[in-house]
N, C-alpha and C. Protein backbone atom coordinates (compact mmCIF):
# COMPACT_ATOMS: atom_id res chain seq x y z
N MET A 1 119.80 81.99 109.26
CA MET A 1 118.48 82.46 109.61
C MET A 1 117.45 81.39 109.27
N ASN A 2 116.60 81.09 110.20
CA ASN A 2 115.59 80.07 110.01
C ASN A 2 114.22 80.72 110.16
N ALA A 3 113.74 81.36 109.10
CA ALA A 3 112.46 82.07 109.16
C ALA A 3 111.30 81.09 109.00
N HIS A 4 110.28 81.32 109.75
CA HIS A 4 109.05 80.54 109.63
C HIS A 4 108.17 81.13 108.55
N LEU A 5 107.26 80.31 108.04
CA LEU A 5 106.37 80.75 106.96
C LEU A 5 105.59 82.01 107.33
N HIS A 6 105.05 82.09 108.53
CA HIS A 6 104.28 83.27 108.92
C HIS A 6 105.14 84.53 108.94
N GLU A 7 106.42 84.39 109.27
CA GLU A 7 107.33 85.55 109.25
C GLU A 7 107.61 86.01 107.83
N ILE A 8 107.77 85.06 106.93
CA ILE A 8 108.02 85.39 105.52
C ILE A 8 106.80 86.08 104.93
N ILE A 9 105.61 85.54 105.21
CA ILE A 9 104.37 86.14 104.70
C ILE A 9 104.20 87.55 105.26
N GLY A 10 104.48 87.75 106.53
CA GLY A 10 104.40 89.08 107.13
C GLY A 10 105.38 90.05 106.51
N ALA A 11 106.60 89.56 106.23
CA ALA A 11 107.61 90.43 105.60
C ALA A 11 107.20 90.81 104.18
N VAL A 12 106.60 89.87 103.46
CA VAL A 12 106.10 90.18 102.12
C VAL A 12 105.00 91.24 102.21
N GLY A 13 104.13 91.12 103.20
CA GLY A 13 103.08 92.12 103.41
C GLY A 13 103.64 93.50 103.68
N ALA A 14 104.65 93.55 104.55
CA ALA A 14 105.28 94.84 104.85
C ALA A 14 105.93 95.41 103.59
N ALA A 15 106.57 94.54 102.80
CA ALA A 15 107.21 95.00 101.56
C ALA A 15 106.17 95.55 100.59
N LEU A 16 105.02 94.89 100.49
CA LEU A 16 103.96 95.37 99.59
C LEU A 16 103.50 96.78 99.97
N ILE A 17 103.33 97.00 101.26
CA ILE A 17 102.88 98.32 101.71
C ILE A 17 103.94 99.38 101.45
N VAL A 18 105.19 99.06 101.73
CA VAL A 18 106.27 100.03 101.52
C VAL A 18 106.48 100.30 100.03
N ILE A 19 106.46 99.26 99.21
CA ILE A 19 106.63 99.44 97.76
C ILE A 19 105.48 100.27 97.19
N THR A 20 104.27 100.02 97.66
CA THR A 20 103.12 100.82 97.21
C THR A 20 103.32 102.28 97.55
N TYR A 21 103.77 102.54 98.75
CA TYR A 21 104.03 103.93 99.16
C TYR A 21 105.14 104.55 98.30
N LEU A 22 106.17 103.78 98.01
CA LEU A 22 107.25 104.26 97.15
C LEU A 22 106.71 104.61 95.76
N LEU A 23 105.88 103.75 95.21
CA LEU A 23 105.32 104.01 93.88
C LEU A 23 104.47 105.28 93.86
N ILE A 24 103.77 105.54 94.94
CA ILE A 24 103.01 106.80 95.06
C ILE A 24 103.97 107.98 95.04
N GLN A 25 105.02 107.91 95.83
CA GLN A 25 105.98 109.01 95.93
C GLN A 25 106.70 109.25 94.61
N LEU A 26 106.96 108.18 93.86
CA LEU A 26 107.62 108.30 92.56
C LEU A 26 106.64 108.64 91.43
N ARG A 27 105.38 108.78 91.78
CA ARG A 27 104.31 109.09 90.84
C ARG A 27 104.16 108.02 89.75
N ARG A 28 104.41 106.78 90.14
CA ARG A 28 104.22 105.64 89.24
C ARG A 28 102.84 105.01 89.47
N MET A 29 102.17 105.48 90.49
CA MET A 29 100.84 104.99 90.84
C MET A 29 100.06 106.17 91.42
N GLN A 30 98.76 106.14 91.23
CA GLN A 30 97.90 107.18 91.78
C GLN A 30 97.03 106.57 92.89
N VAL A 31 96.74 107.36 93.90
CA VAL A 31 95.93 106.90 95.02
C VAL A 31 94.54 106.49 94.54
N GLU A 32 94.06 107.07 93.47
CA GLU A 32 92.72 106.78 92.97
C GLU A 32 92.65 105.44 92.24
N GLU A 33 93.77 104.80 91.98
CA GLU A 33 93.78 103.53 91.26
C GLU A 33 93.36 102.38 92.17
N LEU A 34 92.68 101.42 91.61
CA LEU A 34 92.27 100.24 92.36
C LEU A 34 93.48 99.49 92.91
N ARG A 35 94.54 99.40 92.14
CA ARG A 35 95.71 98.62 92.58
C ARG A 35 96.36 99.21 93.83
N TYR A 36 96.23 100.50 94.06
CA TYR A 36 96.78 101.10 95.27
C TYR A 36 96.12 100.50 96.51
N SER A 37 94.81 100.53 96.55
CA SER A 37 94.10 99.98 97.70
C SER A 37 94.23 98.46 97.75
N LEU A 38 94.26 97.82 96.60
CA LEU A 38 94.39 96.37 96.56
C LEU A 38 95.74 95.93 97.14
N LEU A 39 96.82 96.57 96.75
CA LEU A 39 98.14 96.22 97.28
C LEU A 39 98.23 96.50 98.78
N ASN A 40 97.65 97.60 99.22
CA ASN A 40 97.63 97.90 100.65
C ASN A 40 96.82 96.86 101.42
N ALA A 41 95.68 96.47 100.89
CA ALA A 41 94.85 95.47 101.55
C ALA A 41 95.56 94.12 101.61
N LEU A 42 96.21 93.76 100.54
CA LEU A 42 96.95 92.51 100.50
C LEU A 42 98.10 92.53 101.51
N GLY A 43 98.83 93.63 101.54
CA GLY A 43 99.93 93.77 102.49
C GLY A 43 99.45 93.68 103.93
N ALA A 44 98.38 94.38 104.24
CA ALA A 44 97.83 94.34 105.60
C ALA A 44 97.33 92.95 105.95
N SER A 45 96.72 92.28 104.98
CA SER A 45 96.24 90.92 105.22
C SER A 45 97.38 89.96 105.53
N PHE A 46 98.47 90.09 104.79
CA PHE A 46 99.64 89.24 105.03
C PHE A 46 100.22 89.49 106.42
N ILE A 47 100.28 90.75 106.80
CA ILE A 47 100.80 91.07 108.14
C ILE A 47 99.85 90.53 109.20
N LEU A 48 98.55 90.68 108.99
CA LEU A 48 97.58 90.14 109.95
C LEU A 48 97.73 88.62 110.07
N TYR A 49 97.97 87.96 108.96
CA TYR A 49 98.20 86.51 109.01
C TYR A 49 99.40 86.20 109.90
N SER A 50 100.47 86.94 109.73
CA SER A 50 101.67 86.68 110.53
C SER A 50 101.40 86.91 112.01
N LEU A 51 100.48 87.79 112.32
CA LEU A 51 100.15 88.09 113.71
C LEU A 51 99.29 87.00 114.36
N THR A 52 98.77 86.08 113.56
CA THR A 52 98.01 84.97 114.15
C THR A 52 98.93 84.03 114.92
N VAL A 53 100.22 84.06 114.62
CA VAL A 53 101.18 83.21 115.32
C VAL A 53 101.88 83.99 116.43
N ASP A 54 102.36 85.17 116.10
CA ASP A 54 103.04 86.03 117.08
C ASP A 54 102.20 87.28 117.28
N PHE A 55 101.16 87.19 118.11
CA PHE A 55 100.20 88.28 118.26
C PHE A 55 100.81 89.49 118.96
N ASN A 56 100.45 90.66 118.44
CA ASN A 56 100.83 91.93 119.03
C ASN A 56 99.61 92.84 118.84
N LEU A 57 99.01 93.28 119.93
CA LEU A 57 97.76 94.03 119.85
C LEU A 57 97.89 95.31 119.04
N SER A 58 98.91 96.10 119.29
CA SER A 58 99.04 97.38 118.57
C SER A 58 99.27 97.15 117.08
N ALA A 59 100.07 96.16 116.72
CA ALA A 59 100.28 95.85 115.31
C ALA A 59 98.99 95.34 114.68
N PHE A 60 98.26 94.51 115.42
CA PHE A 60 96.99 94.01 114.92
C PHE A 60 96.01 95.15 114.64
N LEU A 61 95.91 96.08 115.56
CA LEU A 61 94.97 97.20 115.40
C LEU A 61 95.31 98.06 114.19
N ILE A 62 96.58 98.40 114.02
CA ILE A 62 96.95 99.26 112.89
C ILE A 62 96.71 98.54 111.56
N GLU A 63 97.01 97.24 111.52
CA GLU A 63 96.81 96.50 110.27
C GLU A 63 95.33 96.26 110.00
N ALA A 64 94.55 96.04 111.04
CA ALA A 64 93.11 95.86 110.85
C ALA A 64 92.49 97.14 110.28
N PHE A 65 92.88 98.29 110.82
CA PHE A 65 92.38 99.56 110.28
C PHE A 65 92.92 99.81 108.88
N TRP A 66 94.17 99.43 108.63
CA TRP A 66 94.76 99.60 107.29
C TRP A 66 93.97 98.78 106.28
N LEU A 67 93.61 97.56 106.66
CA LEU A 67 92.82 96.70 105.79
C LEU A 67 91.42 97.27 105.58
N LEU A 68 90.78 97.72 106.63
CA LEU A 68 89.44 98.29 106.53
C LEU A 68 89.43 99.52 105.62
N ILE A 69 90.38 100.41 105.81
CA ILE A 69 90.45 101.63 104.99
C ILE A 69 90.74 101.28 103.54
N SER A 70 91.60 100.30 103.32
CA SER A 70 91.91 99.87 101.95
C SER A 70 90.68 99.28 101.28
N CYS A 71 89.89 98.52 102.02
CA CYS A 71 88.65 97.96 101.47
C CYS A 71 87.66 99.07 101.13
N LEU A 72 87.58 100.08 101.96
CA LEU A 72 86.73 101.24 101.65
C LEU A 72 87.21 101.92 100.38
N GLY A 73 88.52 102.05 100.22
CA GLY A 73 89.08 102.65 99.01
C GLY A 73 88.74 101.85 97.77
N MET A 74 88.84 100.51 97.88
CA MET A 74 88.49 99.66 96.73
C MET A 74 87.02 99.79 96.39
N ALA A 75 86.18 99.81 97.41
CA ALA A 75 84.73 99.96 97.18
C ALA A 75 84.43 101.28 96.49
N LYS A 76 85.10 102.32 96.91
CA LYS A 76 84.89 103.65 96.31
C LYS A 76 85.26 103.63 94.83
N VAL A 77 86.42 103.06 94.51
CA VAL A 77 86.86 103.00 93.11
C VAL A 77 85.87 102.20 92.28
N LEU A 78 85.46 101.04 92.78
CA LEU A 78 84.53 100.19 92.03
C LEU A 78 83.17 100.85 91.88
N PHE A 79 82.70 101.54 92.91
CA PHE A 79 81.43 102.27 92.84
C PHE A 79 81.51 103.37 91.79
N GLU A 80 82.62 104.11 91.79
CA GLU A 80 82.77 105.20 90.81
C GLU A 80 82.85 104.66 89.39
N ARG A 81 83.50 103.52 89.20
CA ARG A 81 83.56 102.90 87.87
C ARG A 81 82.16 102.51 87.40
N ALA A 82 81.40 101.90 88.28
CA ALA A 82 80.05 101.48 87.93
C ALA A 82 79.18 102.67 87.58
N ARG A 83 79.36 103.74 88.35
CA ARG A 83 78.58 104.96 88.10
C ARG A 83 78.92 105.57 86.74
N ARG A 84 80.22 105.58 86.41
CA ARG A 84 80.64 106.11 85.11
C ARG A 84 80.08 105.29 83.95
N LYS A 85 80.02 103.97 84.13
CA LYS A 85 79.45 103.12 83.09
C LYS A 85 77.97 103.41 82.91
N GLU A 86 77.28 103.65 84.03
CA GLU A 86 75.85 103.96 84.00
C GLU A 86 75.60 105.26 83.25
N VAL A 87 76.41 106.27 83.54
CA VAL A 87 76.23 107.60 82.97
C VAL A 87 76.70 107.63 81.52
N GLY A 88 77.85 107.01 81.27
CA GLY A 88 78.48 107.08 79.96
C GLY A 88 78.00 106.08 79.04
């Protein structure tokens, strides 16, 4: 097998998303944690990078939305942390 760098990066991204989902199912991670959204965003970004070489519109769309939603999740966690510091 002669994998190209973009394929390896994309596979790592897919693995990050699947492992994150597994950790949620095993209750080793909570959806409210920053690392949940961070790992999902990183995974989606890696997959999007791989799509810059072998473009696929439907894969691009799902990963772009996955990244956007993950960024919203990270913003929510960080906003809530800042609010708790303000109050507490």
